[in-house]
Amino acid sequence: MMKFKSHFVFNRSQQIGIFLLVVIIVVLQLVYHFVDLSKNNIPSVLNEQDLNLFQKKIDSVKLAASAVKTVKIFPFNPNLITDYKGYTLGMSPEEIDRLHAFRAADKWVNSSEEF
């Protein structure tokens, strides 16, 4: 007959660690149960002027943030695009080569449709 070894045999340091863990859990549960943590730190009396002042500050911050997010569109002349500028605009090398070949034939790009 085989003897089975129990998985619940711990040495002395492991027993102390488990005991301390159980004590910490019990203490935290008691603190959670008996201490009222739902106190609000908001003053009970709020002034209407203070609320308006805070709202104006929030609105000004939102306006400043939206001004930063706006994209500026700069005019450019596609007839003068270099390889580097075409790369930064996201053009493929084939598109840049076609544009340079078009310009080498002494033709000009005059509209966005032609470009």
PDB file of N, CA and C in Angstrom:
ATOM      1  N   MET A   1       0.842  -1.166   0.000  1.00  0.00           N
ATOM      2  CA  MET A   1       0.000   0.000   0.000  1.00  0.00           C
ATOM      3  C   MET A   1       0.896   1.241   0.000  1.00  0.00           C
ATOM      4  N   MET A   2       0.539   2.221  -0.889  1.00  0.00           N
ATOM      5  CA  MET A   2       1.351   3.438  -0.991  1.00  0.00           C
ATOM      6  C   MET A   2       0.905   4.448   0.053  1.00  0.00           C
ATOM      7  N   LYS A   3       1.888   5.109   0.585  1.00  0.00           N
ATOM      8  CA  LYS A   3       1.564   6.179   1.534  1.00  0.00           C
ATOM      9  C   LYS A   3       1.560   7.498   0.753  1.00  0.00           C
ATOM     10  N   PHE A   4       0.512   8.251   0.937  1.00  0.00           N
ATOM     11  CA  PHE A   4       0.403   9.533   0.255  1.00  0.00           C
ATOM     12  C   PHE A   4       0.951  10.626   1.141  1.00  0.00           C
ATOM     13  N   LYS A   5       1.751  11.511   0.539  1.00  0.00           N
ATOM     14  CA  LYS A   5       2.312  12.631   1.284  1.00  0.00           C
ATOM     15  C   LYS A   5       1.318  13.793   1.193  1.00  0.00           C
ATOM     16  N   SER A   6       1.023  14.355   2.310  1.00  0.00           N
ATOM     17  CA  SER A   6       0.074  15.458   2.353  1.00  0.00           C
ATOM     18  C   SER A   6       0.724  16.720   1.780  1.00  0.00           C
ATOM     19  N   HIS A   7      -0.063  17.477   1.069  1.00  0.00           N
ATOM     20  CA  HIS A   7       0.412  18.751   0.518  1.00  0.00           C
ATOM     21  C   HIS A   7       0.255  19.888   1.516  1.00  0.00           C
ATOM     22  N   PHE A   8      -0.280  19.600   2.664  1.00  0.00           N
ATOM     23  CA  PHE A   8      -0.535  20.629   3.654  1.00  0.00           C
ATOM     24  C   PHE A   8       0.437  20.562   4.827  1.00  0.00           C
ATOM     25  N   VAL A   9       1.580  20.016   4.633  1.00  0.00           N
ATOM     26  CA  VAL A   9       2.604  19.972   5.683  1.00  0.00           C
ATOM     27  C   VAL A   9       3.558  21.126   5.413  1.00  0.00           C
ATOM     28  N   PHE A  10       3.663  22.023   6.377  1.00  0.00           N
ATOM     29  CA  PHE A  10       4.507  23.196   6.226  1.00  0.00           C
ATOM     30  C   PHE A  10       5.567  23.204   7.311  1.00  0.00           C
ATOM     31  N   ASN A  11       6.708  23.808   6.990  1.00  0.00           N
ATOM     32  CA  ASN A  11       7.717  23.949   8.031  1.00  0.00           C
ATOM     33  C   ASN A  11       7.357  25.148   8.911  1.00  0.00           C
ATOM     34  N   ARG A  12       8.160  25.395   9.921  1.00  0.00           N
ATOM     35  CA  ARG A  12       7.813  26.398  10.940  1.00  0.00           C
ATOM     36  C   ARG A  12       7.722  27.811  10.347  1.00  0.00           C
ATOM     37  N   SER A  13       8.637  28.191   9.482  1.00  0.00           N
ATOM     38  CA  SER A  13       8.612  29.554   8.918  1.00  0.00           C
ATOM     39  C   SER A  13       7.400  29.741   8.006  1.00  0.00           C
ATOM     40  N   GLN A  14       6.999  28.702   7.287  1.00  0.00           N
ATOM     41  CA  GLN A  14       5.813  28.806   6.440  1.00  0.00           C
ATOM     42  C   GLN A  14       4.554  28.918   7.279  1.00  0.00           C
ATOM     43  N   GLN A  15       4.512  28.202   8.412  1.00  0.00           N
ATOM     44  CA  GLN A  15       3.360  28.303   9.307  1.00  0.00           C
ATOM     45  C   GLN A  15       3.244  29.707   9.879  1.00  0.00           C
ATOM     46  N   ILE A  16       4.358  30.313  10.256  1.00  0.00           N
ATOM     47  CA  ILE A  16       4.340  31.688  10.796  1.00  0.00           C
ATOM     48  C   ILE A  16       3.869  32.657   9.707  1.00  0.00           C
ATOM     49  N   GLY A  17       4.349  32.476   8.482  1.00  0.00           N
ATOM     50  CA  GLY A  17       3.943  33.348   7.378  1.00  0.00           C
ATOM     51  C   GLY A  17       2.458  33.262   7.094  1.00  0.00           C
ATOM     52  N   ILE A  18       1.913  32.056   7.102  1.00  0.00           N
ATOM     53  CA  ILE A  18       0.473  31.877   6.867  1.00  0.00           C
ATOM     54  C   ILE A  18      -0.323  32.502   8.005  1.00  0.00           C
ATOM     55  N   PHE A  19       0.139  32.324   9.227  1.00  0.00           N
ATOM     56  CA  PHE A  19      -0.543  32.915  10.378  1.00  0.00           C
ATOM     57  C   PHE A  19      -0.561  34.439  10.274  1.00  0.00           C
ATOM     58  N   LEU A  20       0.586  35.038   9.935  1.00  0.00           N
ATOM     59  CA  LEU A  20       0.638  36.505   9.793  1.00  0.00           C
ATOM     60  C   LEU A  20      -0.264  36.982   8.656  1.00  0.00           C
ATOM     61  N   LEU A  21      -0.318  36.245   7.575  1.00  0.00           N
ATOM     62  CA  LEU A  21      -1.190  36.622   6.467  1.00  0.00           C
ATOM     63  C   LEU A  21      -2.651  36.604   6.887  1.00  0.00           C
ATOM     64  N   VAL A  22      -3.058  35.594   7.636  1.00  0.00           N
ATOM     65  CA  VAL A  22      -4.440  35.505   8.112  1.00  0.00           C
ATOM     66  C   VAL A  22      -4.728  36.645   9.082  1.00  0.00           C
ATOM     67  N   VAL A  23      -3.780  36.981   9.965  1.00  0.00           N
ATOM     68  CA  VAL A  23      -3.970  38.089  10.910  1.00  0.00           C
ATOM     69  C   VAL A  23      -4.132  39.404  10.154  1.00  0.00           C
ATOM     70  N   ILE A  24      -3.311  39.633   9.135  1.00  0.00           N
ATOM     71  CA  ILE A  24      -3.413  40.873   8.353  1.00  0.00           C
ATOM     72  C   ILE A  24      -4.762  40.947   7.652  1.00  0.00           C
ATOM     73  N   ILE A  25      -5.231  39.853   7.094  1.00  0.00           N
ATOM     74  CA  ILE A  25      -6.530  39.849   6.413  1.00  0.00           C
ATOM     75  C   ILE A  25      -7.655  40.134   7.397  1.00  0.00           C
ATOM     76  N   VAL A  26      -7.599  39.547   8.583  1.00  0.00           N
ATOM     77  CA  VAL A  26      -8.642  39.775   9.590  1.00  0.00           C
ATOM     78  C   VAL A  26      -8.623  41.225  10.040  1.00  0.00           C
ATOM     79  N   VAL A  27      -7.440  41.783  10.276  1.00  0.00           N
ATOM     80  CA  VAL A  27      -7.340  43.185  10.718  1.00  0.00           C
ATOM     81  C   VAL A  27      -7.884  44.114   9.644  1.00  0.00           C
ATOM     82  N   LEU A  28      -7.541  43.881   8.392  1.00  0.00           N
ATOM     83  CA  LEU A  28      -8.047  44.738   7.320  1.00  0.00           C
ATOM     84  C   LEU A  28      -9.561  44.629   7.179  1.00  0.00           C
ATOM     85  N   GLN A  29     -10.107  43.456   7.345  1.00  0.00           N
ATOM     86  CA  GLN A  29     -11.555  43.294   7.290  1.00  0.00           C
ATOM     87  C   GLN A  29     -12.232  44.029   8.442  1.00  0.00           C
ATOM     88  N   LEU A  30     -11.642  43.987   9.630  1.00  0.00           N
ATOM     89  CA  LEU A  30     -12.206  44.710  10.775  1.00  0.00           C
ATOM     90  C   LEU A  30     -12.151  46.218  10.544  1.00  0.00           C
ATOM     91  N   VAL A  31     -11.032  46.702  10.018  1.00  0.00           N
ATOM     92  CA  VAL A  31     -10.915  48.139   9.725  1.00  0.00           C
ATOM     93  C   VAL A  31     -11.963  48.538   8.690  1.00  0.00           C
ATOM     94  N   TYR A  32     -12.123  47.729   7.643  1.00  0.00           N
ATOM     95  CA  TYR A  32     -13.101  48.023   6.607  1.00  0.00           C
ATOM     96  C   TYR A  32     -14.519  48.050   7.177  1.00  0.00           C
ATOM     97  N   HIS A  33     -14.804  47.168   8.121  1.00  0.00           N
ATOM     98  CA  HIS A  33     -16.150  47.067   8.673  1.00  0.00           C
ATOM     99  C   HIS A  33     -16.464  48.185   9.664  1.00  0.00           C
ATOM    100  N   PHE A  34     -15.502  48.566  10.502  1.00  0.00           N
ATOM    101  CA  PHE A  34     -15.785  49.505  11.581  1.00  0.00           C
ATOM    102  C   PHE A  34     -15.397  50.955  11.289  1.00  0.00           C
ATOM    103  N   VAL A  35     -14.540  51.211  10.345  1.00  0.00           N
ATOM    104  CA  VAL A  35     -14.128  52.577  10.050  1.00  0.00           C
ATOM    105  C   VAL A  35     -14.953  53.092   8.878  1.00  0.00           C
ATOM    106  N   ASP A  36     -15.510  54.285   9.035  1.00  0.00           N
ATOM    107  CA  ASP A  36     -16.318  54.900   7.991  1.00  0.00           C
ATOM    108  C   ASP A  36     -15.384  55.639   7.030  1.00  0.00           C
ATOM    109  N   LEU A  37     -15.216  55.100   5.841  1.00  0.00           N
ATOM    110  CA  LEU A  37     -14.326  55.691   4.845  1.00  0.00           C
ATOM    111  C   LEU A  37     -15.080  56.490   3.793  1.00  0.00           C
ATOM    112  N   SER A  38     -16.359  56.681   3.971  1.00  0.00           N
ATOM    113  CA  SER A  38     -17.167  57.358   2.967  1.00  0.00           C
ATOM    114  C   SER A  38     -17.323  58.850   3.230  1.00  0.00           C
ATOM    115  N   LYS A  39     -16.456  59.424   4.028  1.00  0.00           N
ATOM    116  CA  LYS A  39     -16.543  60.862   4.293  1.00  0.00           C
ATOM    117  C   LYS A  39     -16.110  61.624   3.058  1.00  0.00           C
ATOM    118  N   ASN A  40     -16.871  62.631   2.713  1.00  0.00           N
ATOM    119  CA  ASN A  40     -16.540  63.459   1.563  1.00  0.00           C
ATOM    120  C   ASN A  40     -15.679  64.608   2.022  1.00  0.00           C
ATOM    121  N   ASN A  41     -14.678  64.912   1.249  1.00  0.00           N
ATOM    122  CA  ASN A  41     -13.808  66.042   1.558  1.00  0.00           C
ATOM    123  C   ASN A  41     -14.288  67.324   0.892  1.00  0.00           C
ATOM    124  N   ILE A  42     -15.445  67.265   0.251  1.00  0.00           N
ATOM    125  CA  ILE A  42     -16.005  68.433  -0.416  1.00  0.00           C
ATOM    126  C   ILE A  42     -16.733  69.272   0.619  1.00  0.00           C
ATOM    127  N   PRO A  43     -16.473  70.570   0.607  1.00  0.00           N
ATOM    128  CA  PRO A  43     -17.191  71.421   1.566  1.00  0.00           C
ATOM    129  C   PRO A  43     -18.694  71.360   1.308  1.00  0.00           C
ATOM    130  N   SER A  44     -19.456  71.422   2.366  1.00  0.00           N
ATOM    131  CA  SER A  44     -20.899  71.300   2.226  1.00  0.00           C
ATOM    132  C   SER A  44     -21.532  72.551   1.626  1.00  0.00           C
ATOM    133  N   VAL A  45     -20.892  73.703   1.799  1.00  0.00           N
ATOM    134  CA  VAL A  45     -21.430  74.946   1.266  1.00  0.00           C
ATOM    135  C   VAL A  45     -20.524  75.404   0.125  1.00  0.00           C
ATOM    136  N   LEU A  46     -21.056  75.390  -1.094  1.00  0.00           N
ATOM    137  CA  LEU A  46     -20.301  75.856  -2.249  1.00  0.00           C
ATOM    138  C   LEU A  46     -20.925  77.147  -2.743  1.00  0.00           C
ATOM    139  N   ASN A  47     -20.082  78.085  -2.964  1.00  0.00           N
ATOM    140  CA  ASN A  47     -20.501  79.400  -3.393  1.00  0.00           C
ATOM    141  C   ASN A  47     -20.743  79.378  -4.910  1.00  0.00           C
ATOM    142  N   GLU A  48     -21.801  80.032  -5.349  1.00  0.00           N
ATOM    143  CA  GLU A  48     -22.108  80.086  -6.776  1.00  0.00           C
ATOM    144  C   GLU A  48     -21.018  80.827  -7.545  1.00  0.00           C
ATOM    145  N   GLN A  49     -20.436  81.848  -6.931  1.00  0.00           N
ATOM    146  CA  GLN A  49     -19.351  82.583  -7.588  1.00  0.00           C
ATOM    147  C   GLN A  49     -18.123  81.690  -7.763  1.00  0.00           C
ATOM    148  N   ASP A  50     -17.819  80.893  -6.753  1.00  0.00           N
ATOM    149  CA  ASP A  50     -16.673  79.992  -6.856  1.00  0.00           C
ATOM    150  C   ASP A  50     -16.890  78.959  -7.960  1.00  0.00           C
ATOM    151  N   LEU A  51     -18.116  78.449  -8.054  1.00  0.00           N
ATOM    152  CA  LEU A  51     -18.418  77.488  -9.106  1.00  0.00           C
ATOM    153  C   LEU A  51     -18.258  78.106 -10.493  1.00  0.00           C
ATOM    154  N   ASN A  52     -18.721  79.345 -10.650  1.00  0.00           N
ATOM    155  CA  ASN A  52     -18.568  80.028 -11.938  1.00  0.00           C
ATOM    156  C   ASN A  52     -17.104  80.274 -12.258  1.00  0.00           C
ATOM    157  N   LEU A  53     -16.324  80.636 -11.242  1.00  0.00           N
ATOM    158  CA  LEU A  53     -14.895  80.869 -11.450  1.00  0.00           C
ATOM    159  C   LEU A  53     -14.194  79.579 -11.881  1.00  0.00           C
ATOM    160  N   PHE A  54     -14.497  78.485 -11.225  1.00  0.00           N
ATOM    161  CA  PHE A  54     -13.903  77.197 -11.589  1.00  0.00           C
ATOM    162  C   PHE A  54     -14.323  76.776 -12.991  1.00  0.00           C
ATOM    163  N   GLN A  55     -15.596  77.021 -13.331  1.00  0.00           N
ATOM    164  CA  GLN A  55     -16.074  76.662 -14.660  1.00  0.00           C
ATOM    165  C   GLN A  55     -15.366  77.472 -15.727  1.00  0.00           C
ATOM    166  N   LYS A  56     -15.102  78.745 -15.473  1.00  0.00           N
ATOM    167  CA  LYS A  56     -14.376  79.587 -16.431  1.00  0.00           C
ATOM    168  C   LYS A  56     -12.950  79.083 -16.613  1.00  0.00           C
ATOM    169  N   LYS A  57     -12.320  78.660 -15.517  1.00  0.00           N
ATOM    170  CA  LYS A  57     -10.962  78.123 -15.623  1.00  0.00           C
ATOM    171  C   LYS A  57     -10.946  76.839 -16.447  1.00  0.00           C
ATOM    172  N   ILE A  58     -11.921  75.984 -16.217  1.00  0.00           N
ATOM    173  CA  ILE A  58     -12.009  74.729 -16.970  1.00  0.00           C
ATOM    174  C   ILE A  58     -12.240  75.018 -18.445  1.00  0.00           C
ATOM    175  N   ASP A  59     -13.122  75.967 -18.740  1.00  0.00           N
ATOM    176  CA  ASP A  59     -13.396  76.317 -20.133  1.00  0.00           C
ATOM    177  C   ASP A  59     -12.162  76.888 -20.820  1.00  0.00           C
ATOM    178  N   SER A  60     -11.386  77.723 -20.107  1.00  0.00           N
ATOM    179  CA  SER A  60     -10.191  78.292 -20.715  1.00  0.00           C
ATOM    180  C   SER A  60      -9.133  77.220 -20.979  1.00  0.00           C
ATOM    181  N   VAL A  61      -9.027  76.247 -20.089  1.00  0.00           N
ATOM    182  CA  VAL A  61      -8.073  75.154 -20.309  1.00  0.00           C
ATOM    183  C   VAL A  61      -8.506  74.305 -21.497  1.00  0.00           C
ATOM    184  N   LYS A  62      -9.812  74.035 -21.613  1.00  0.00           N
ATOM    185  CA  LYS A  62     -10.311  73.264 -22.753  1.00  0.00           C
ATOM    186  C   LYS A  62     -10.081  74.016 -24.056  1.00  0.00           C
ATOM    187  N   LEU A  63     -10.288  75.322 -24.043  1.00  0.00           N
ATOM    188  CA  LEU A  63     -10.075  76.125 -25.239  1.00  0.00           C
ATOM    189  C   LEU A  63      -8.608  76.125 -25.640  1.00  0.00           C
ATOM    190  N   ALA A  64      -7.723  76.247 -24.662  1.00  0.00           N
ATOM    191  CA  ALA A  64      -6.285  76.217 -24.949  1.00  0.00           C
ATOM    192  C   ALA A  64      -5.866  74.855 -25.487  1.00  0.00           C
ATOM    193  N   ALA A  65      -6.436  73.788 -24.944  1.00  0.00           N
ATOM    194  CA  ALA A  65      -6.102  72.446 -25.413  1.00  0.00           C
ATOM    195  C   ALA A  65      -6.604  72.218 -26.836  1.00  0.00           C
ATOM    196  N   SER A  66      -7.769  72.743 -27.161  1.00  0.00           N
ATOM    197  CA  SER A  66      -8.287  72.566 -28.514  1.00  0.00           C
ATOM    198  C   SER A  66      -7.494  73.391 -29.516  1.00  0.00           C
ATOM    199  N   ALA A  67      -6.955  74.534 -29.092  1.00  0.00           N
ATOM    200  CA  ALA A  67      -6.138  75.356 -29.982  1.00  0.00           C
ATOM    201  C   ALA A  67      -4.832  74.652 -30.312  1.00  0.00           C
ATOM    202  N   VAL A  68      -4.312  73.893 -29.376  1.00  0.00           N
ATOM    203  CA  VAL A  68      -3.075  73.154 -29.619  1.00  0.00           C
ATOM    204  C   VAL A  68      -3.316  72.012 -30.594  1.00  0.00           C
ATOM    205  N   LYS A  69      -4.497  71.398 -30.538  1.00  0.00           N
ATOM    206  CA  LYS A  69      -4.798  70.239 -31.363  1.00  0.00           C
ATOM    207  C   LYS A  69      -5.132  70.590 -32.807  1.00  0.00           C
ATOM    208  N   THR A  70      -5.396  71.847 -33.106  1.00  0.00           N
ATOM    209  CA  THR A  70      -5.762  72.202 -34.470  1.00  0.00           C
ATOM    210  C   THR A  70      -4.571  72.009 -35.398  1.00  0.00           C
ATOM    211  N   VAL A  71      -4.843  71.569 -36.593  1.00  0.00           N
ATOM    212  CA  VAL A  71      -3.807  71.316 -37.580  1.00  0.00           C
ATOM    213  C   VAL A  71      -3.717  72.516 -38.500  1.00  0.00           C
ATOM    214  N   LYS A  72      -2.512  73.030 -38.654  1.00  0.00           N
ATOM    215  CA  LYS A  72      -2.307  74.140 -39.570  1.00  0.00           C
ATOM    216  C   LYS A  72      -1.949  73.575 -40.938  1.00  0.00           C
ATOM    217  N   ILE A  73      -2.612  74.068 -41.948  1.00  0.00           N
ATOM    218  CA  ILE A  73      -2.326  73.652 -43.312  1.00  0.00           C
ATOM    219  C   ILE A  73      -1.510  74.763 -43.961  1.00  0.00           C
ATOM    220  N   PHE A  74      -0.311  74.408 -44.361  1.00  0.00           N
ATOM    221  CA  PHE A  74       0.583  75.371 -44.988  1.00  0.00           C
ATOM    222  C   PHE A  74       0.519  75.193 -46.497  1.00  0.00           C
ATOM    223  N   PRO A  75       0.446  76.301 -47.240  1.00  0.00           N
ATOM    224  CA  PRO A  75       0.442  76.172 -48.694  1.00  0.00           C
ATOM    225  C   PRO A  75       1.825  75.728 -49.185  1.00  0.00           C
ATOM    226  N   PHE A  76       1.826  74.935 -50.239  1.00  0.00           N
ATOM    227  CA  PHE A  76       3.090  74.520 -50.832  1.00  0.00           C
ATOM    228  C   PHE A  76       2.923  74.423 -52.331  1.00  0.00           C
ATOM    229  N   ASN A  77       4.020  74.481 -53.009  1.00  0.00           N
ATOM    230  CA  ASN A  77       4.021  74.398 -54.461  1.00  0.00           C
ATOM    231  C   ASN A  77       4.495  72.996 -54.837  1.00  0.00           C
ATOM    232  N   PRO A  78       3.626  72.156 -55.402  1.00  0.00           N
ATOM    233  CA  PRO A  78       4.038  70.792 -55.733  1.00  0.00           C
ATOM    234  C   PRO A  78       5.075  70.739 -56.854  1.00  0.00           C
ATOM    235  N   ASN A  79       5.254  71.841 -57.564  1.00  0.00           N
ATOM    236  CA  ASN A  79       6.255  71.862 -58.621  1.00  0.00           C
ATOM    237  C   ASN A  79       7.673  71.876 -58.062  1.00  0.00           C
ATOM    238  N   LEU A  80       7.814  72.269 -56.800  1.00  0.00           N
ATOM    239  CA  LEU A  80       9.139  72.413 -56.210  1.00  0.00           C
ATOM    240  C   LEU A  80       9.429  71.363 -55.133  1.00  0.00           C
ATOM    241  N   ILE A  81       8.718  70.244 -55.177  1.00  0.00           N
ATOM    242  CA  ILE A  81       8.905  69.206 -54.159  1.00  0.00           C
ATOM    243  C   ILE A  81      10.206  68.461 -54.415  1.00  0.00           C
ATOM    244  N   THR A  82      11.012  68.378 -53.371  1.00  0.00           N
ATOM    245  CA  THR A  82      12.245  67.600 -53.441  1.00  0.00           C
ATOM    246  C   THR A  82      11.951  66.170 -52.994  1.00  0.00           C
ATOM    247  N   ASP A  83      12.960  65.310 -53.114  1.00  0.00           N
ATOM    248  CA  ASP A  83      12.790  63.925 -52.675  1.00  0.00           C
ATOM    249  C   ASP A  83      12.471  63.868 -51.186  1.00  0.00           C
ATOM    250  N   TYR A  84      13.196  64.662 -50.405  1.00  0.00           N
ATOM    251  CA  TYR A  84      12.983  64.659 -48.954  1.00  0.00           C
ATOM    252  C   TYR A  84      11.584  65.161 -48.610  1.00  0.00           C
ATOM    253  N   LYS A  85      11.156  66.269 -49.238  1.00  0.00           N
ATOM    254  CA  LYS A  85       9.835  66.831 -48.943  1.00  0.00           C
ATOM    255  C   LYS A  85       8.734  65.858 -49.354  1.00  0.00           C
ATOM    256  N   GLY A  86       8.909  65.175 -50.477  1.00  0.00           N
ATOM    257  CA  GLY A  86       7.930  64.181 -50.897  1.00  0.00           C
ATOM    258  C   GLY A  86       7.857  63.027 -49.910  1.00  0.00           C
ATOM    259  N   TYR A  87       9.017  62.628 -49.380  1.00  0.00           N
ATOM    260  CA  TYR A  87       9.048  61.564 -48.381  1.00  0.00           C
ATOM    261  C   TYR A  87       8.322  61.987 -47.109  1.00  0.00           C
ATOM    262  N   THR A  88       8.556  63.232 -46.670  1.00  0.00           N
ATOM    263  CA  THR A  88       7.895  63.703 -45.449  1.00  0.00           C
ATOM    264  C   THR A  88       6.396  63.888 -45.660  1.00  0.00           C
ATOM    265  N   LEU A  89       5.963  64.111 -46.892  1.00  0.00           N
ATOM    266  CA  LEU A  89       4.536  64.229 -47.178  1.00  0.00           C
ATOM    267  C   LEU A  89       3.866  62.865 -47.318  1.00  0.00           C
ATOM    268  N   GLY A  90       4.650  61.788 -47.324  1.00  0.00           N
ATOM    269  CA  GLY A  90       4.088  60.449 -47.400  1.00  0.00           C
ATOM    270  C   GLY A  90       3.949  59.924 -48.809  1.00  0.00           C
ATOM    271  N   MET A  91       4.643  60.526 -49.739  1.00  0.00           N
ATOM    272  CA  MET A  91       4.588  60.061 -51.121  1.00  0.00           C
ATOM    273  C   MET A  91       5.514  58.865 -51.296  1.00  0.00           C
ATOM    274  N   SER A  92       5.128  57.961 -52.177  1.00  0.00           N
ATOM    275  CA  SER A  92       5.990  56.821 -52.465  1.00  0.00           C
ATOM    276  C   SER A  92       7.096  57.273 -53.418  1.00  0.00           C
ATOM    277  N   PRO A  93       8.190  56.546 -53.472  1.00  0.00           N
ATOM    278  CA  PRO A  93       9.276  56.927 -54.399  1.00  0.00           C
ATOM    279  C   PRO A  93       8.821  56.942 -55.860  1.00  0.00           C
ATOM    280  N   GLU A  94       7.887  56.043 -56.226  1.00  0.00           N
ATOM    281  CA  GLU A  94       7.384  56.037 -57.601  1.00  0.00           C
ATOM    282  C   GLU A  94       6.618  57.330 -57.899  1.00  0.00           C
ATOM    283  N   GLU A  95       5.821  57.788 -56.938  1.00  0.00           N
ATOM    284  CA  GLU A  95       5.072  59.027 -57.142  1.00  0.00           C
ATOM    285  C   GLU A  95       6.019  60.210 -57.283  1.00  0.00           C
ATOM    286  N   ILE A  96       7.065  60.230 -56.482  1.00  0.00           N
ATOM    287  CA  ILE A  96       8.041  61.329 -56.563  1.00  0.00           C
ATOM    288  C   ILE A  96       8.750  61.291 -57.908  1.00  0.00           C
ATOM    289  N   ASP A  97       9.118  60.094 -58.370  1.00  0.00           N
ATOM    290  CA  ASP A  97       9.794  59.974 -59.666  1.00  0.00           C
ATOM    291  C   ASP A  97       8.889  60.421 -60.803  1.00  0.00           C
ATOM    292  N   ARG A  98       7.590  60.061 -60.741  1.00  0.00           N
ATOM    293  CA  ARG A  98       6.656  60.509 -61.778  1.00  0.00           C
ATOM    294  C   ARG A  98       6.530  62.027 -61.789  1.00  0.00           C
ATOM    295  N   LEU A  99       6.504  62.635 -60.585  1.00  0.00           N
ATOM    296  CA  LEU A  99       6.416  64.094 -60.508  1.00  0.00           C
ATOM    297  C   LEU A  99       7.657  64.744 -61.102  1.00  0.00           C
ATOM    298  N   HIS A 100       8.831  64.192 -60.802  1.00  0.00           N
ATOM    299  CA  HIS A 100      10.071  64.744 -61.356  1.00  0.00           C
ATOM    300  C   HIS A 100      10.135  64.551 -62.874  1.00  0.00           C
ATOM    301  N   ALA A 101       9.625  63.421 -63.381  1.00  0.00           N
ATOM    302  CA  ALA A 101       9.583  63.200 -64.832  1.00  0.00           C
ATOM    303  C   ALA A 101       8.607  64.180 -65.485  1.00  0.00           C
ATOM    304  N   PHE A 102       7.488  64.447 -64.828  1.00  0.00           N
ATOM    305  CA  PHE A 102       6.514  65.413 -65.331  1.00  0.00           C
ATOM    306  C   PHE A 102       7.139  66.800 -65.420  1.00  0.00           C
ATOM    307  N   ARG A 103       7.888  67.163 -64.381  1.00  0.00           N
ATOM    308  CA  ARG A 103       8.554  68.479 -64.375  1.00  0.00           C
ATOM    309  C   ARG A 103       9.697  68.534 -65.381  1.00  0.00           C
ATOM    310  N   ALA A 104      10.349  67.387 -65.650  1.00  0.00           N
ATOM    311  CA  ALA A 104      11.447  67.364 -66.626  1.00  0.00           C
ATOM    312  C   ALA A 104      10.912  67.576 -68.046  1.00  0.00           C
ATOM    313  N   ALA A 105       9.648  67.259 -68.271  1.00  0.00           N
ATOM    314  CA  ALA A 105       9.028  67.491 -69.578  1.00  0.00           C
ATOM    315  C   ALA A 105       8.575  68.942 -69.710  1.00  0.00           C
ATOM    316  N   ASP A 106       8.985  69.796 -68.763  1.00  0.00           N
ATOM    317  CA  ASP A 106       8.684  71.234 -68.742  1.00  0.00           C
ATOM    318  C   ASP A 106       7.184  71.490 -68.645  1.00  0.00           C
ATOM    319  N   LYS A 107       6.512  70.681 -67.829  1.00  0.00           N
ATOM    320  CA  LYS A 107       5.098  70.869 -67.550  1.00  0.00           C
ATOM    321  C   LYS A 107       4.959  71.295 -66.098  1.00  0.00           C
ATOM    322  N   TRP A 108       3.852  71.985 -65.808  1.00  0.00           N
ATOM    323  CA  TRP A 108       3.613  72.508 -64.454  1.00  0.00           C
ATOM    324  C   TRP A 108       2.350  71.897 -63.861  1.00  0.00           C
ATOM    325  N   VAL A 109       2.365  71.690 -62.577  1.00  0.00           N
ATOM    326  CA  VAL A 109       1.174  71.244 -61.868  1.00  0.00           C
ATOM    327  C   VAL A 109       0.445  72.513 -61.425  1.00  0.00           C
ATOM    328  N   ASN A 110      -0.784  72.676 -61.945  1.00  0.00           N
ATOM    329  CA  ASN A 110      -1.515  73.917 -61.649  1.00  0.00           C
ATOM    330  C   ASN A 110      -2.722  73.707 -60.752  1.00  0.00           C
ATOM    331  N   SER A 111      -3.131  72.496 -60.514  1.00  0.00           N
ATOM    332  CA  SER A 111      -4.303  72.260 -59.663  1.00  0.00           C
ATOM    333  C   SER A 111      -4.083  70.987 -58.850  1.00  0.00           C
ATOM    334  N   SER A 112      -4.947  70.818 -57.862  1.00  0.00           N
ATOM    335  CA  SER A 112      -4.848  69.628 -57.028  1.00  0.00           C
ATOM    336  C   SER A 112      -5.230  68.375 -57.815  1.00  0.00           C
ATOM    337  N   GLU A 113      -6.094  68.520 -58.833  1.00  0.00           N
ATOM    338  CA  GLU A 113      -6.462  67.361 -59.640  1.00  0.00           C
ATOM    339  C   GLU A 113      -5.275  66.870 -60.457  1.00  0.00           C
ATOM    340  N   GLU A 114      -4.500  67.807 -60.971  1.00  0.00           N
ATOM    341  CA  GLU A 114      -3.314  67.427 -61.749  1.00  0.00           C
ATOM    342  C   GLU A 114      -2.256  66.785 -60.848  1.00  0.00           C
ATOM    343  N   PHE A 115      -2.194  67.266 -59.624  1.00  0.00           N
ATOM    344  CA  PHE A 115      -1.191  66.722 -58.700  1.00  0.00           C
ATOM    345  C   PHE A 115      -1.523  65.287 -58.358  1.00  0.00           C
TER     346      PHE A 115
END
